[in-house]
Amino acid sequence: MRAVCPGSFDPITRGHLDIIVRAASVFSEVIVAVGRNTTKNYMFDVHERLGLVTDAVSEMANVRVALIDGLLVDFCAAQGAKVIVKGVRFGSDFDYELQMSQLNRQLSGIETALLPAGREFGTISSSMLREVAHNGADISAFVTDAVNRAVLAKVGR
């Protein structure tokens, strides 16, 4: 069964990778769908994010990366995906993802699988890491080497 792990991945973190690896162990194919959200201010443009995500998952045989342009449910239908996989860290994530899953199911019939974040990286977010990096702190424990280099280049270090 094909699944989609959507996100903005700005940047992709070890927490994201944990969810992707776990999804890849359950589903025959996982599409990591890099999205554009018009309400977000990104550190990396969509092509940079696609490249960083592609690099991060390059060792995973049943994982590929694609760009979402439009509604997630339309993307899933076009890809033949039967399920959306989302990671949840806290109750607020669950509340939001529950609403989204109900809307997506109503719109298209697609199911959503919610995976609890792993203990080691479950409390981090891309936005937190961007802020930490902008203030000169080391984020290398939370991202891949390629992502760390890209972030350092963006913040001028």
N, C-alpha and C. Protein backbone atom coordinates (compact mmCIF):
# COMPACT_ATOMS: atom_id res chain seq x y z
N MET A 1 0.85 -1.18 0.00
CA MET A 1 0.00 0.00 0.00
C MET A 1 0.90 1.24 0.00
N ARG A 2 0.53 2.22 -0.78
CA ARG A 2 1.27 3.47 -0.92
C ARG A 2 0.73 4.49 0.08
N ALA A 3 1.66 5.19 0.76
CA ALA A 3 1.30 6.22 1.73
C ALA A 3 2.03 7.52 1.39
N VAL A 4 1.48 8.62 1.87
CA VAL A 4 2.09 9.93 1.68
C VAL A 4 2.39 10.54 3.04
N CYS A 5 3.63 10.99 3.21
CA CYS A 5 4.05 11.76 4.39
C CYS A 5 4.24 13.21 3.94
N PRO A 6 3.25 14.07 4.18
CA PRO A 6 3.36 15.45 3.72
C PRO A 6 3.99 16.37 4.75
N GLY A 7 4.54 17.46 4.27
CA GLY A 7 5.07 18.48 5.16
C GLY A 7 5.77 19.56 4.39
N SER A 8 6.14 20.62 5.10
CA SER A 8 6.91 21.67 4.45
C SER A 8 8.41 21.39 4.57
N PHE A 9 8.82 20.70 5.62
CA PHE A 9 10.21 20.25 5.78
C PHE A 9 11.18 21.42 5.61
N ASP A 10 11.03 22.44 6.44
CA ASP A 10 11.85 23.65 6.32
C ASP A 10 12.62 23.93 7.59
N PRO A 11 13.68 23.16 7.87
CA PRO A 11 14.22 22.04 7.11
C PRO A 11 13.72 20.70 7.64
N ILE A 12 14.05 19.64 6.91
CA ILE A 12 13.75 18.29 7.39
C ILE A 12 14.61 18.02 8.63
N THR A 13 14.00 17.40 9.64
CA THR A 13 14.69 17.13 10.91
C THR A 13 14.78 15.62 11.14
N ARG A 14 15.54 15.24 12.15
CA ARG A 14 15.61 13.82 12.51
C ARG A 14 14.25 13.32 13.02
N GLY A 15 13.44 14.20 13.55
CA GLY A 15 12.07 13.84 13.95
C GLY A 15 11.24 13.47 12.73
N HIS A 16 11.33 14.27 11.67
CA HIS A 16 10.64 13.92 10.42
C HIS A 16 11.14 12.58 9.91
N LEU A 17 12.45 12.41 9.92
CA LEU A 17 13.03 11.16 9.40
C LEU A 17 12.57 9.95 10.20
N ASP A 18 12.41 10.11 11.50
CA ASP A 18 11.91 9.01 12.33
C ASP A 18 10.53 8.58 11.86
N ILE A 19 9.65 9.53 11.59
CA ILE A 19 8.29 9.21 11.11
C ILE A 19 8.37 8.55 9.74
N ILE A 20 9.21 9.07 8.84
CA ILE A 20 9.34 8.51 7.49
C ILE A 20 9.87 7.08 7.54
N VAL A 21 10.89 6.83 8.34
CA VAL A 21 11.45 5.48 8.48
C VAL A 21 10.40 4.52 9.01
N ARG A 22 9.66 4.94 10.01
CA ARG A 22 8.64 4.07 10.59
C ARG A 22 7.51 3.81 9.60
N ALA A 23 7.12 4.85 8.85
CA ALA A 23 6.09 4.66 7.82
C ALA A 23 6.59 3.69 6.75
N ALA A 24 7.86 3.81 6.37
CA ALA A 24 8.43 2.94 5.34
C ALA A 24 8.51 1.49 5.79
N SER A 25 8.50 1.27 7.10
CA SER A 25 8.51 -0.11 7.59
C SER A 25 7.11 -0.73 7.59
N VAL A 26 6.08 0.09 7.45
CA VAL A 26 4.70 -0.37 7.47
C VAL A 26 4.09 -0.44 6.07
N PHE A 27 4.43 0.54 5.24
CA PHE A 27 3.83 0.64 3.91
C PHE A 27 4.82 0.24 2.84
N SER A 28 4.31 -0.29 1.73
CA SER A 28 5.20 -0.76 0.66
C SER A 28 5.92 0.39 -0.03
N GLU A 29 5.28 1.54 -0.10
CA GLU A 29 5.91 2.72 -0.68
C GLU A 29 5.47 3.95 0.08
N VAL A 30 6.41 4.86 0.31
CA VAL A 30 6.12 6.12 0.99
C VAL A 30 6.58 7.25 0.08
N ILE A 31 5.69 8.19 -0.16
CA ILE A 31 6.01 9.39 -0.90
C ILE A 31 6.11 10.52 0.11
N VAL A 32 7.29 11.11 0.22
CA VAL A 32 7.47 12.28 1.07
C VAL A 32 7.09 13.48 0.20
N ALA A 33 5.98 14.10 0.54
CA ALA A 33 5.42 15.17 -0.27
C ALA A 33 5.77 16.52 0.33
N VAL A 34 6.59 17.25 -0.37
CA VAL A 34 7.05 18.56 0.08
C VAL A 34 6.05 19.61 -0.41
N GLY A 35 5.45 20.30 0.55
CA GLY A 35 4.39 21.24 0.20
C GLY A 35 4.80 22.69 0.29
N ARG A 36 3.94 23.51 -0.27
CA ARG A 36 4.08 24.97 -0.20
C ARG A 36 2.87 25.49 0.57
N ASN A 37 3.13 26.26 1.57
CA ASN A 37 2.07 26.87 2.36
C ASN A 37 2.22 28.38 2.23
N THR A 38 1.25 29.03 1.63
CA THR A 38 1.36 30.46 1.36
C THR A 38 1.40 31.30 2.63
N THR A 39 1.05 30.72 3.78
CA THR A 39 1.07 31.49 5.02
C THR A 39 2.40 31.41 5.75
N LYS A 40 3.34 30.61 5.25
CA LYS A 40 4.63 30.41 5.92
C LYS A 40 5.73 31.21 5.25
N ASN A 41 6.66 31.68 6.07
CA ASN A 41 7.90 32.29 5.58
C ASN A 41 8.98 31.23 5.68
N TYR A 42 9.50 30.81 4.54
CA TYR A 42 10.45 29.70 4.51
C TYR A 42 11.89 30.17 4.57
N MET A 43 12.74 29.37 5.21
CA MET A 43 14.19 29.57 5.17
C MET A 43 14.71 29.11 3.81
N PHE A 44 14.18 27.98 3.32
CA PHE A 44 14.62 27.37 2.07
C PHE A 44 13.49 27.43 1.05
N ASP A 45 13.84 27.72 -0.20
CA ASP A 45 12.81 27.68 -1.22
C ASP A 45 12.44 26.22 -1.51
N VAL A 46 11.39 26.02 -2.26
CA VAL A 46 10.85 24.67 -2.47
C VAL A 46 11.88 23.74 -3.12
N HIS A 47 12.69 24.25 -4.03
CA HIS A 47 13.68 23.40 -4.69
C HIS A 47 14.80 23.00 -3.74
N GLU A 48 15.18 23.91 -2.85
CA GLU A 48 16.17 23.57 -1.82
C GLU A 48 15.62 22.52 -0.87
N ARG A 49 14.36 22.69 -0.45
CA ARG A 49 13.74 21.72 0.45
C ARG A 49 13.61 20.36 -0.21
N LEU A 50 13.22 20.34 -1.48
CA LEU A 50 13.15 19.06 -2.22
C LEU A 50 14.52 18.38 -2.24
N GLY A 51 15.56 19.14 -2.49
CA GLY A 51 16.91 18.57 -2.53
C GLY A 51 17.36 18.04 -1.18
N LEU A 52 17.10 18.79 -0.12
CA LEU A 52 17.50 18.34 1.23
C LEU A 52 16.72 17.10 1.65
N VAL A 53 15.44 17.05 1.34
CA VAL A 53 14.63 15.87 1.68
C VAL A 53 15.10 14.67 0.85
N THR A 54 15.33 14.88 -0.43
CA THR A 54 15.80 13.78 -1.30
C THR A 54 17.11 13.22 -0.78
N ASP A 55 18.03 14.09 -0.39
CA ASP A 55 19.30 13.63 0.18
C ASP A 55 19.08 12.84 1.47
N ALA A 56 18.19 13.33 2.32
CA ALA A 56 17.97 12.69 3.63
C ALA A 56 17.36 11.30 3.52
N VAL A 57 16.58 11.04 2.46
CA VAL A 57 15.91 9.74 2.33
C VAL A 57 16.55 8.85 1.25
N SER A 58 17.69 9.28 0.73
CA SER A 58 18.29 8.59 -0.42
C SER A 58 18.62 7.12 -0.17
N GLU A 59 18.82 6.73 1.05
CA GLU A 59 19.17 5.34 1.38
C GLU A 59 17.93 4.45 1.56
N MET A 60 16.75 5.02 1.51
CA MET A 60 15.52 4.27 1.75
C MET A 60 14.92 3.83 0.41
N ALA A 61 14.96 2.54 0.15
CA ALA A 61 14.58 2.00 -1.16
C ALA A 61 13.11 2.24 -1.51
N ASN A 62 12.23 2.23 -0.54
CA ASN A 62 10.80 2.36 -0.84
C ASN A 62 10.24 3.76 -0.54
N VAL A 63 11.13 4.74 -0.54
CA VAL A 63 10.73 6.12 -0.27
C VAL A 63 11.16 6.99 -1.45
N ARG A 64 10.22 7.83 -1.91
CA ARG A 64 10.57 8.82 -2.93
C ARG A 64 10.00 10.18 -2.51
N VAL A 65 10.48 11.23 -3.16
CA VAL A 65 10.13 12.60 -2.80
C VAL A 65 9.42 13.24 -3.99
N ALA A 66 8.37 14.02 -3.69
CA ALA A 66 7.64 14.73 -4.74
C ALA A 66 7.15 16.06 -4.19
N LEU A 67 6.84 16.96 -5.09
CA LEU A 67 6.31 18.27 -4.75
C LEU A 67 4.79 18.23 -4.77
N ILE A 68 4.16 18.78 -3.73
CA ILE A 68 2.70 18.96 -3.73
C ILE A 68 2.43 20.36 -4.23
N ASP A 69 1.55 20.46 -5.18
CA ASP A 69 1.10 21.77 -5.65
C ASP A 69 -0.42 21.69 -5.73
N GLY A 70 -1.08 22.14 -4.70
CA GLY A 70 -2.53 22.04 -4.63
C GLY A 70 -2.95 21.29 -3.38
N LEU A 71 -4.15 20.74 -3.41
CA LEU A 71 -4.69 20.03 -2.25
C LEU A 71 -4.00 18.68 -2.05
N LEU A 72 -3.73 18.36 -0.80
CA LEU A 72 -3.11 17.08 -0.47
C LEU A 72 -3.95 15.91 -0.94
N VAL A 73 -5.27 15.97 -0.79
CA VAL A 73 -6.11 14.85 -1.21
C VAL A 73 -6.05 14.64 -2.72
N ASP A 74 -5.92 15.71 -3.49
CA ASP A 74 -5.78 15.58 -4.94
C ASP A 74 -4.44 14.95 -5.30
N PHE A 75 -3.39 15.35 -4.58
CA PHE A 75 -2.06 14.77 -4.78
C PHE A 75 -2.11 13.26 -4.49
N CYS A 76 -2.72 12.90 -3.36
CA CYS A 76 -2.81 11.48 -2.98
C CYS A 76 -3.57 10.68 -4.03
N ALA A 77 -4.66 11.20 -4.52
CA ALA A 77 -5.44 10.52 -5.55
C ALA A 77 -4.61 10.33 -6.82
N ALA A 78 -3.88 11.36 -7.23
CA ALA A 78 -3.06 11.29 -8.44
C ALA A 78 -1.93 10.27 -8.28
N GLN A 79 -1.46 10.10 -7.05
CA GLN A 79 -0.36 9.17 -6.79
C GLN A 79 -0.86 7.75 -6.47
N GLY A 80 -2.16 7.58 -6.33
CA GLY A 80 -2.70 6.28 -5.97
C GLY A 80 -2.42 5.90 -4.52
N ALA A 81 -2.25 6.90 -3.67
CA ALA A 81 -1.98 6.66 -2.24
C ALA A 81 -3.29 6.45 -1.50
N LYS A 82 -3.29 5.51 -0.57
CA LYS A 82 -4.49 5.18 0.19
C LYS A 82 -4.51 5.78 1.59
N VAL A 83 -3.35 6.30 2.03
CA VAL A 83 -3.27 6.79 3.41
C VAL A 83 -2.28 7.95 3.49
N ILE A 84 -2.59 8.87 4.39
CA ILE A 84 -1.70 9.98 4.74
C ILE A 84 -1.10 9.62 6.10
N VAL A 85 0.20 9.78 6.24
CA VAL A 85 0.87 9.50 7.51
C VAL A 85 1.38 10.83 8.07
N LYS A 86 0.99 11.11 9.30
CA LYS A 86 1.41 12.33 9.98
C LYS A 86 1.98 11.97 11.35
N GLY A 87 3.03 12.68 11.74
CA GLY A 87 3.58 12.54 13.08
C GLY A 87 2.92 13.55 14.00
N VAL A 88 2.69 13.14 15.22
CA VAL A 88 2.11 14.05 16.22
C VAL A 88 3.01 14.06 17.46
N ARG A 89 3.25 15.27 17.96
CA ARG A 89 4.13 15.44 19.13
C ARG A 89 3.34 15.66 20.41
N PHE A 90 2.32 16.49 20.33
CA PHE A 90 1.59 16.92 21.52
C PHE A 90 0.10 16.85 21.26
N GLY A 91 -0.68 17.11 22.29
CA GLY A 91 -2.12 17.12 22.15
C GLY A 91 -2.61 18.12 21.12
N SER A 92 -1.95 19.28 21.04
CA SER A 92 -2.37 20.28 20.06
C SER A 92 -2.15 19.78 18.63
N ASP A 93 -1.06 19.03 18.40
CA ASP A 93 -0.85 18.41 17.08
C ASP A 93 -1.99 17.44 16.79
N PHE A 94 -2.33 16.62 17.79
CA PHE A 94 -3.40 15.64 17.61
C PHE A 94 -4.72 16.32 17.27
N ASP A 95 -5.05 17.38 18.01
CA ASP A 95 -6.31 18.09 17.76
C ASP A 95 -6.36 18.61 16.32
N TYR A 96 -5.28 19.23 15.86
CA TYR A 96 -5.24 19.77 14.50
C TYR A 96 -5.30 18.64 13.47
N GLU A 97 -4.49 17.60 13.65
CA GLU A 97 -4.45 16.52 12.67
C GLU A 97 -5.75 15.72 12.64
N LEU A 98 -6.44 15.63 13.76
CA LEU A 98 -7.75 14.98 13.78
C LEU A 98 -8.73 15.76 12.90
N GLN A 99 -8.74 17.07 13.05
CA GLN A 99 -9.61 17.89 12.21
C GLN A 99 -9.26 17.72 10.74
N MET A 100 -7.98 17.76 10.42
CA MET A 100 -7.55 17.62 9.02
C MET A 100 -7.90 16.23 8.48
N SER A 101 -7.72 15.20 9.30
CA SER A 101 -8.01 13.85 8.83
C SER A 101 -9.50 13.68 8.53
N GLN A 102 -10.34 14.28 9.37
CA GLN A 102 -11.78 14.20 9.14
C GLN A 102 -12.18 14.95 7.88
N LEU A 103 -11.58 16.11 7.66
CA LEU A 103 -11.86 16.88 6.45
C LEU A 103 -11.37 16.12 5.21
N ASN A 104 -10.15 15.60 5.27
CA ASN A 104 -9.60 14.86 4.12
C ASN A 104 -10.43 13.62 3.80
N ARG A 105 -10.88 12.94 4.84
CA ARG A 105 -11.72 11.75 4.61
C ARG A 105 -13.06 12.15 3.99
N GLN A 106 -13.62 13.24 4.46
CA GLN A 106 -14.89 13.73 3.91
C GLN A 106 -14.73 14.14 2.45
N LEU A 107 -13.60 14.78 2.13
CA LEU A 107 -13.36 15.25 0.76
C LEU A 107 -13.08 14.12 -0.22
N SER A 108 -12.38 13.07 0.27
CA SER A 108 -11.86 12.09 -0.70
C SER A 108 -11.96 10.64 -0.27
N GLY A 109 -12.26 10.41 1.00
CA GLY A 109 -12.28 9.03 1.49
C GLY A 109 -10.93 8.52 1.95
N ILE A 110 -9.89 9.33 1.83
CA ILE A 110 -8.55 8.88 2.23
C ILE A 110 -8.45 8.80 3.75
N GLU A 111 -7.73 7.82 4.21
CA GLU A 111 -7.50 7.63 5.65
C GLU A 111 -6.21 8.33 6.07
N THR A 112 -6.12 8.62 7.36
CA THR A 112 -4.92 9.21 7.94
C THR A 112 -4.44 8.32 9.08
N ALA A 113 -3.14 8.04 9.07
CA ALA A 113 -2.50 7.31 10.18
C ALA A 113 -1.64 8.31 10.95
N LEU A 114 -1.88 8.40 12.25
CA LEU A 114 -1.10 9.30 13.10
C LEU A 114 -0.08 8.49 13.88
N LEU A 115 1.18 8.85 13.73
CA LEU A 115 2.25 8.18 14.46
C LEU A 115 2.76 9.10 15.55
N PRO A 116 2.83 8.62 16.78
CA PRO A 116 3.38 9.47 17.84
C PRO A 116 4.86 9.69 17.60
N ALA A 117 5.30 10.91 17.85
CA ALA A 117 6.72 11.24 17.68
C ALA A 117 7.56 10.38 18.61
N GLY A 118 8.74 10.05 18.14
CA GLY A 118 9.68 9.29 18.96
C GLY A 118 10.19 10.13 20.12
N ARG A 119 10.63 9.47 21.14
CA ARG A 119 11.06 10.15 22.36
C ARG A 119 12.27 11.07 22.15
N GLU A 120 13.22 10.63 21.34
CA GLU A 120 14.47 11.37 21.22
C GLU A 120 14.30 12.73 20.54
N PHE A 121 13.48 12.79 19.49
CA PHE A 121 13.35 14.04 18.73
C PHE A 121 11.91 14.54 18.70
N GLY A 122 11.08 14.02 19.57
CA GLY A 122 9.65 14.31 19.52
C GLY A 122 9.24 15.71 19.90
N THR A 123 10.11 16.44 20.55
CA THR A 123 9.71 17.78 20.99
C THR A 123 10.28 18.88 20.11
N ILE A 124 11.04 18.53 19.08
CA ILE A 124 11.64 19.56 18.23
C ILE A 124 10.76 19.85 17.02
N SER A 125 10.91 21.04 16.49
CA SER A 125 10.21 21.42 15.27
C SER A 125 11.18 22.19 14.38
N SER A 126 10.88 22.22 13.11
CA SER A 126 11.72 22.98 12.17
C SER A 126 11.80 24.44 12.56
N SER A 127 10.68 25.02 12.96
CA SER A 127 10.69 26.44 13.32
C SER A 127 11.56 26.71 14.55
N MET A 128 11.54 25.80 15.52
CA MET A 128 12.41 25.94 16.68
C MET A 128 13.86 25.90 16.26
N LEU A 129 14.20 24.95 15.39
CA LEU A 129 15.59 24.80 14.96
C LEU A 129 16.06 26.00 14.14
N ARG A 130 15.18 26.54 13.31
CA ARG A 130 15.55 27.76 12.56
C ARG A 130 15.88 28.89 13.52
N GLU A 131 15.06 29.07 14.55
CA GLU A 131 15.28 30.14 15.52
C GLU A 131 16.58 29.92 16.29
N VAL A 132 16.82 28.71 16.72
CA VAL A 132 18.04 28.38 17.44
C VAL A 132 19.26 28.66 16.57
N ALA A 133 19.21 28.24 15.31
CA ALA A 133 20.33 28.45 14.38
C ALA A 133 20.56 29.94 14.13
N HIS A 134 19.48 30.69 13.96
CA HIS A 134 19.61 32.14 13.75
C HIS A 134 20.29 32.82 14.92
N ASN A 135 20.17 32.23 16.10
CA ASN A 135 20.78 32.80 17.30
C ASN A 135 22.13 32.18 17.63
N GLY A 136 22.70 31.45 16.67
CA GLY A 136 24.08 30.99 16.79
C GLY A 136 24.30 29.67 17.50
N ALA A 137 23.26 28.97 17.87
CA ALA A 137 23.44 27.69 18.57
C ALA A 137 23.56 26.54 17.58
N ASP A 138 24.11 25.45 18.04
CA ASP A 138 24.38 24.25 17.23
C ASP A 138 23.13 23.38 17.15
N ILE A 139 22.67 23.09 15.93
CA ILE A 139 21.51 22.21 15.74
C ILE A 139 21.89 20.87 15.14
N SER A 140 23.17 20.58 15.04
CA SER A 140 23.65 19.39 14.31
C SER A 140 23.10 18.08 14.87
N ALA A 141 22.74 18.03 16.12
CA ALA A 141 22.20 16.78 16.69
C ALA A 141 20.79 16.49 16.19
N PHE A 142 20.13 17.48 15.62
CA PHE A 142 18.73 17.35 15.25
C PHE A 142 18.46 17.24 13.76
N VAL A 143 19.53 17.39 12.95
CA VAL A 143 19.39 17.37 11.49
C VAL A 143 20.53 16.57 10.88
N THR A 144 20.39 16.22 9.61
CA THR A 144 21.47 15.53 8.91
C THR A 144 22.63 16.51 8.68
N ASP A 145 23.78 15.96 8.32
CA ASP A 145 24.94 16.82 8.05
C ASP A 145 24.65 17.80 6.90
N ALA A 146 24.01 17.31 5.84
CA ALA A 146 23.70 18.17 4.69
C ALA A 146 22.77 19.31 5.10
N VAL A 147 21.78 19.01 5.90
CA VAL A 147 20.85 20.04 6.36
C VAL A 147 21.59 21.03 7.27
N ASN A 148 22.43 20.53 8.14
CA ASN A 148 23.18 21.42 9.03
C ASN A 148 24.04 22.39 8.22
N ARG A 149 24.74 21.89 7.21
CA ARG A 149 25.56 22.76 6.36
C ARG A 149 24.70 23.81 5.65
N ALA A 150 23.55 23.38 5.15
CA ALA A 150 22.65 24.30 4.45
C ALA A 150 22.12 25.38 5.38
N VAL A 151 21.75 24.99 6.58
CA VAL A 151 21.26 25.97 7.56
C VAL A 151 22.36 26.95 7.93
N LEU A 152 23.56 26.44 8.18
CA LEU A 152 24.67 27.32 8.54
C LEU A 152 24.95 28.33 7.43
N ALA A 153 24.87 27.87 6.17
CA ALA A 153 25.07 28.79 5.04
C ALA A 153 23.99 29.86 5.00
N LYS A 154 22.76 29.49 5.32
CA LYS A 154 21.65 30.46 5.30
C LYS A 154 21.79 31.51 6.40
N VAL A 155 22.28 31.08 7.56
CA VAL A 155 22.38 32.03 8.69
C VAL A 155 23.74 32.74 8.72
N GLY A 156 24.58 32.44 7.73
CA GLY A 156 25.85 33.16 7.61
C GLY A 156 26.93 32.72 8.56
N ARG A 157 26.97 31.42 8.86
CA ARG A 157 28.03 30.90 9.76
C ARG A 157 28.88 29.90 9.05
